[in-house]
Amino acid sequence: MTDTTLALALFAVSCALGLLCLLLVAWVSCTTVRRLRANPRTAERLGVEWTHGWAALNVAMALAWPRRLMLRLDHDAQAALHAPRDLLQAHTTRLDRLLARACYAAQLFTCLSFVLWLCSWWGS
């Protein structure tokens, strides 16, 4: 495979993953985050929303990262920046948690594939 073909294949994979990530973020936003915002116990605990829709990424990260790491972050000085995992775990369904993990994994692999694409593009 030539360098140009590899770069084109990585770009296509990155675009496909980006579209999947966009759809999953929209799904998590419309279902899980909307329900969490309607609940008075969780409405103000979804983390800092830097831009519109960031709460979906905070929820996805909190439900996707390992429990031990999230518990450590909950006791950090900057705990208000992210959503607390235990509270979200108690107020979400199994399907919500599965979708949040898929959303976070798609976001992670999208960013990684774009970085690999840029490295292959600059290398050629």
C-alpha atoms as a PDB file:
ATOM      1  CA  MET A   1       0.000   0.000   0.000  1.00  0.00           C
ATOM      2  CA  THR A   2       1.382   3.403  -0.914  1.00  0.00           C
ATOM      3  CA  ASP A   3       1.558   6.312   1.510  1.00  0.00           C
ATOM      4  CA  THR A   4      -1.229   8.167  -0.280  1.00  0.00           C
ATOM      5  CA  THR A   5      -3.543   5.158  -0.144  1.00  0.00           C
ATOM      6  CA  LEU A   6      -2.816   4.671   3.556  1.00  0.00           C
ATOM      7  CA  ALA A   7      -3.523   8.338   4.266  1.00  0.00           C
ATOM      8  CA  LEU A   8      -6.762   8.168   2.292  1.00  0.00           C
ATOM      9  CA  ALA A   9      -7.857   5.010   4.121  1.00  0.00           C
ATOM     10  CA  LEU A  10      -7.096   6.599   7.508  1.00  0.00           C
ATOM     11  CA  PHE A  11      -9.032   9.696   6.496  1.00  0.00           C
ATOM     12  CA  ALA A  12     -12.052   7.591   5.480  1.00  0.00           C
ATOM     13  CA  VAL A  13     -11.946   5.677   8.773  1.00  0.00           C
ATOM     14  CA  SER A  14     -11.631   8.944  10.693  1.00  0.00           C
ATOM     15  CA  CYS A  15     -14.637  10.438   8.917  1.00  0.00           C
ATOM     16  CA  ALA A  16     -16.739   7.318   9.505  1.00  0.00           C
ATOM     17  CA  LEU A  17     -15.804   7.257  13.191  1.00  0.00           C
ATOM     18  CA  GLY A  18     -16.505  10.985  13.431  1.00  0.00           C
ATOM     19  CA  LEU A  19     -20.003  10.458  12.040  1.00  0.00           C
ATOM     20  CA  LEU A  20     -20.606   7.582  14.458  1.00  0.00           C
ATOM     21  CA  CYS A  21     -19.369   9.740  17.332  1.00  0.00           C
ATOM     22  CA  LEU A  22     -21.657  12.580  16.301  1.00  0.00           C
ATOM     23  CA  LEU A  23     -24.669  10.276  16.227  1.00  0.00           C
ATOM     24  CA  LEU A  24     -23.819   8.719  19.597  1.00  0.00           C
ATOM     25  CA  VAL A  25     -23.288  12.110  21.261  1.00  0.00           C
ATOM     26  CA  ALA A  26     -26.653  13.262  19.917  1.00  0.00           C
ATOM     27  CA  TRP A  27     -28.317  10.076  21.181  1.00  0.00           C
ATOM     28  CA  VAL A  28     -26.754  10.365  24.659  1.00  0.00           C
ATOM     29  CA  SER A  29     -27.699  14.048  24.750  1.00  0.00           C
ATOM     30  CA  CYS A  30     -31.307  13.439  23.767  1.00  0.00           C
ATOM     31  CA  THR A  31     -31.926  10.485  26.052  1.00  0.00           C
ATOM     32  CA  THR A  32     -29.611  10.274  29.038  1.00  0.00           C
ATOM     33  CA  VAL A  33     -28.658  13.902  29.639  1.00  0.00           C
ATOM     34  CA  ARG A  34     -32.222  15.115  29.177  1.00  0.00           C
ATOM     35  CA  ARG A  35     -33.423  12.640  31.812  1.00  0.00           C
ATOM     36  CA  LEU A  36     -30.576  13.563  34.164  1.00  0.00           C
ATOM     37  CA  ARG A  37     -31.363  17.273  33.820  1.00  0.00           C
ATOM     38  CA  ALA A  38     -35.011  16.610  34.680  1.00  0.00           C
ATOM     39  CA  ASN A  39     -33.951  14.953  37.937  1.00  0.00           C
ATOM     40  CA  PRO A  40     -33.347  17.590  40.672  1.00  0.00           C
ATOM     41  CA  ARG A  41     -30.584  15.512  42.320  1.00  0.00           C
ATOM     42  CA  THR A  42     -28.500  15.312  39.151  1.00  0.00           C
ATOM     43  CA  ALA A  43     -29.444  18.503  37.293  1.00  0.00           C
ATOM     44  CA  GLU A  44     -26.605  20.636  38.652  1.00  0.00           C
ATOM     45  CA  ARG A  45     -24.025  17.838  38.932  1.00  0.00           C
ATOM     46  CA  LEU A  46     -23.268  17.135  35.247  1.00  0.00           C
ATOM     47  CA  GLY A  47     -19.955  18.967  35.267  1.00  0.00           C
ATOM     48  CA  VAL A  48     -18.909  22.193  33.608  1.00  0.00           C
ATOM     49  CA  GLU A  49     -20.486  22.730  30.212  1.00  0.00           C
ATOM     50  CA  TRP A  50     -17.808  24.587  28.243  1.00  0.00           C
ATOM     51  CA  THR A  51     -20.010  24.655  25.157  1.00  0.00           C
ATOM     52  CA  HIS A  52     -23.469  23.422  24.271  1.00  0.00           C
ATOM     53  CA  GLY A  53     -23.558  19.624  24.399  1.00  0.00           C
ATOM     54  CA  TRP A  54     -20.496  19.207  26.592  1.00  0.00           C
ATOM     55  CA  ALA A  55     -22.612  17.637  29.346  1.00  0.00           C
ATOM     56  CA  ALA A  56     -23.088  14.580  27.124  1.00  0.00           C
ATOM     57  CA  LEU A  57     -19.317  14.153  26.925  1.00  0.00           C
ATOM     58  CA  ASN A  58     -18.988  14.639  30.706  1.00  0.00           C
ATOM     59  CA  VAL A  59     -21.615  11.957  31.325  1.00  0.00           C
ATOM     60  CA  ALA A  60     -20.028   9.615  28.772  1.00  0.00           C
ATOM     61  CA  MET A  61     -16.586  10.074  30.334  1.00  0.00           C
ATOM     62  CA  ALA A  62     -17.873   9.544  33.864  1.00  0.00           C
ATOM     63  CA  LEU A  63     -19.613   6.316  32.908  1.00  0.00           C
ATOM     64  CA  ALA A  64     -16.795   5.006  30.687  1.00  0.00           C
ATOM     65  CA  TRP A  65     -13.738   5.586  32.864  1.00  0.00           C
ATOM     66  CA  PRO A  66     -12.825   2.989  35.512  1.00  0.00           C
ATOM     67  CA  ARG A  67     -14.640   3.382  38.832  1.00  0.00           C
ATOM     68  CA  ARG A  68     -11.453   3.644  40.874  1.00  0.00           C
ATOM     69  CA  LEU A  69     -10.124   6.518  38.754  1.00  0.00           C
ATOM     70  CA  MET A  70     -13.441   8.378  38.894  1.00  0.00           C
ATOM     71  CA  LEU A  71     -13.595   7.991  42.678  1.00  0.00           C
ATOM     72  CA  ARG A  72     -10.138   9.505  42.898  1.00  0.00           C
ATOM     73  CA  LEU A  73     -11.223  12.403  40.680  1.00  0.00           C
ATOM     74  CA  ASP A  74     -14.340  12.942  42.808  1.00  0.00           C
ATOM     75  CA  HIS A  75     -12.128  13.785  45.790  1.00  0.00           C
ATOM     76  CA  ASP A  76      -9.883  16.110  43.784  1.00  0.00           C
ATOM     77  CA  ALA A  77      -9.967  19.897  44.138  1.00  0.00           C
ATOM     78  CA  GLN A  78     -11.386  20.195  40.615  1.00  0.00           C
ATOM     79  CA  ALA A  79     -14.229  17.718  41.145  1.00  0.00           C
ATOM     80  CA  ALA A  80     -16.842  20.213  39.926  1.00  0.00           C
ATOM     81  CA  LEU A  81     -15.431  20.019  36.386  1.00  0.00           C
ATOM     82  CA  HIS A  82     -16.774  16.518  35.747  1.00  0.00           C
ATOM     83  CA  ALA A  83     -19.867  14.505  36.631  1.00  0.00           C
ATOM     84  CA  PRO A  84     -19.734  12.151  39.647  1.00  0.00           C
ATOM     85  CA  ARG A  85     -19.867   8.520  38.568  1.00  0.00           C
ATOM     86  CA  ASP A  86     -21.730   7.084  41.561  1.00  0.00           C
ATOM     87  CA  LEU A  87     -24.584   9.567  41.210  1.00  0.00           C
ATOM     88  CA  LEU A  88     -24.856   8.905  37.474  1.00  0.00           C
ATOM     89  CA  GLN A  89     -24.653   5.156  38.009  1.00  0.00           C
ATOM     90  CA  ALA A  90     -27.616   5.313  40.377  1.00  0.00           C
ATOM     91  CA  HIS A  91     -29.785   7.352  37.986  1.00  0.00           C
ATOM     92  CA  THR A  92     -29.071   5.683  34.633  1.00  0.00           C
ATOM     93  CA  THR A  93     -30.174   2.422  33.096  1.00  0.00           C
ATOM     94  CA  ARG A  94     -27.914  -0.303  31.788  1.00  0.00           C
ATOM     95  CA  LEU A  95     -28.642   0.811  28.198  1.00  0.00           C
ATOM     96  CA  ASP A  96     -27.694   4.403  29.078  1.00  0.00           C
ATOM     97  CA  ARG A  97     -24.368   3.237  30.478  1.00  0.00           C
ATOM     98  CA  LEU A  98     -23.702   1.080  27.415  1.00  0.00           C
ATOM     99  CA  LEU A  99     -24.453   3.984  25.063  1.00  0.00           C
ATOM    100  CA  ALA A 100     -22.270   6.316  27.103  1.00  0.00           C
ATOM    101  CA  ARG A 101     -19.351   3.883  26.924  1.00  0.00           C
ATOM    102  CA  ALA A 102     -19.834   3.475  23.168  1.00  0.00           C
ATOM    103  CA  CYS A 103     -19.974   7.261  22.775  1.00  0.00           C
ATOM    104  CA  TYR A 104     -16.747   7.767  24.720  1.00  0.00           C
ATOM    105  CA  ALA A 105     -14.983   4.943  22.857  1.00  0.00           C
ATOM    106  CA  ALA A 106     -16.061   6.394  19.496  1.00  0.00           C
ATOM    107  CA  GLN A 107     -14.807   9.817  20.549  1.00  0.00           C
ATOM    108  CA  LEU A 108     -11.471   8.387  21.676  1.00  0.00           C
ATOM    109  CA  PHE A 109     -10.933   6.326  18.512  1.00  0.00           C
ATOM    110  CA  THR A 110     -12.004   9.237  16.301  1.00  0.00           C
ATOM    111  CA  CYS A 111      -9.394  11.525  17.845  1.00  0.00           C
ATOM    112  CA  LEU A 112      -6.751   8.805  17.643  1.00  0.00           C
ATOM    113  CA  SER A 113      -7.496   8.038  13.986  1.00  0.00           C
ATOM    114  CA  PHE A 114      -7.369  11.740  13.058  1.00  0.00           C
ATOM    115  CA  VAL A 115      -3.971  12.045  14.747  1.00  0.00           C
ATOM    116  CA  LEU A 116      -2.734   8.964  12.869  1.00  0.00           C
ATOM    117  CA  TRP A 117      -4.087  10.400   9.627  1.00  0.00           C
ATOM    118  CA  LEU A 118      -2.292  13.702  10.224  1.00  0.00           C
ATOM    119  CA  CYS A 119       0.960  11.878  10.982  1.00  0.00           C
ATOM    120  CA  SER A 120       0.672   9.815   7.800  1.00  0.00           C
ATOM    121  CA  TRP A 121      -0.274  12.888   5.764  1.00  0.00           C
ATOM    122  CA  TRP A 122       2.674  14.937   7.041  1.00  0.00           C
ATOM    123  CA  GLY A 123       5.000  11.985   6.518  1.00  0.00           C
ATOM    124  CA  SER A 124       4.226  11.724   2.793  1.00  0.00           C
END
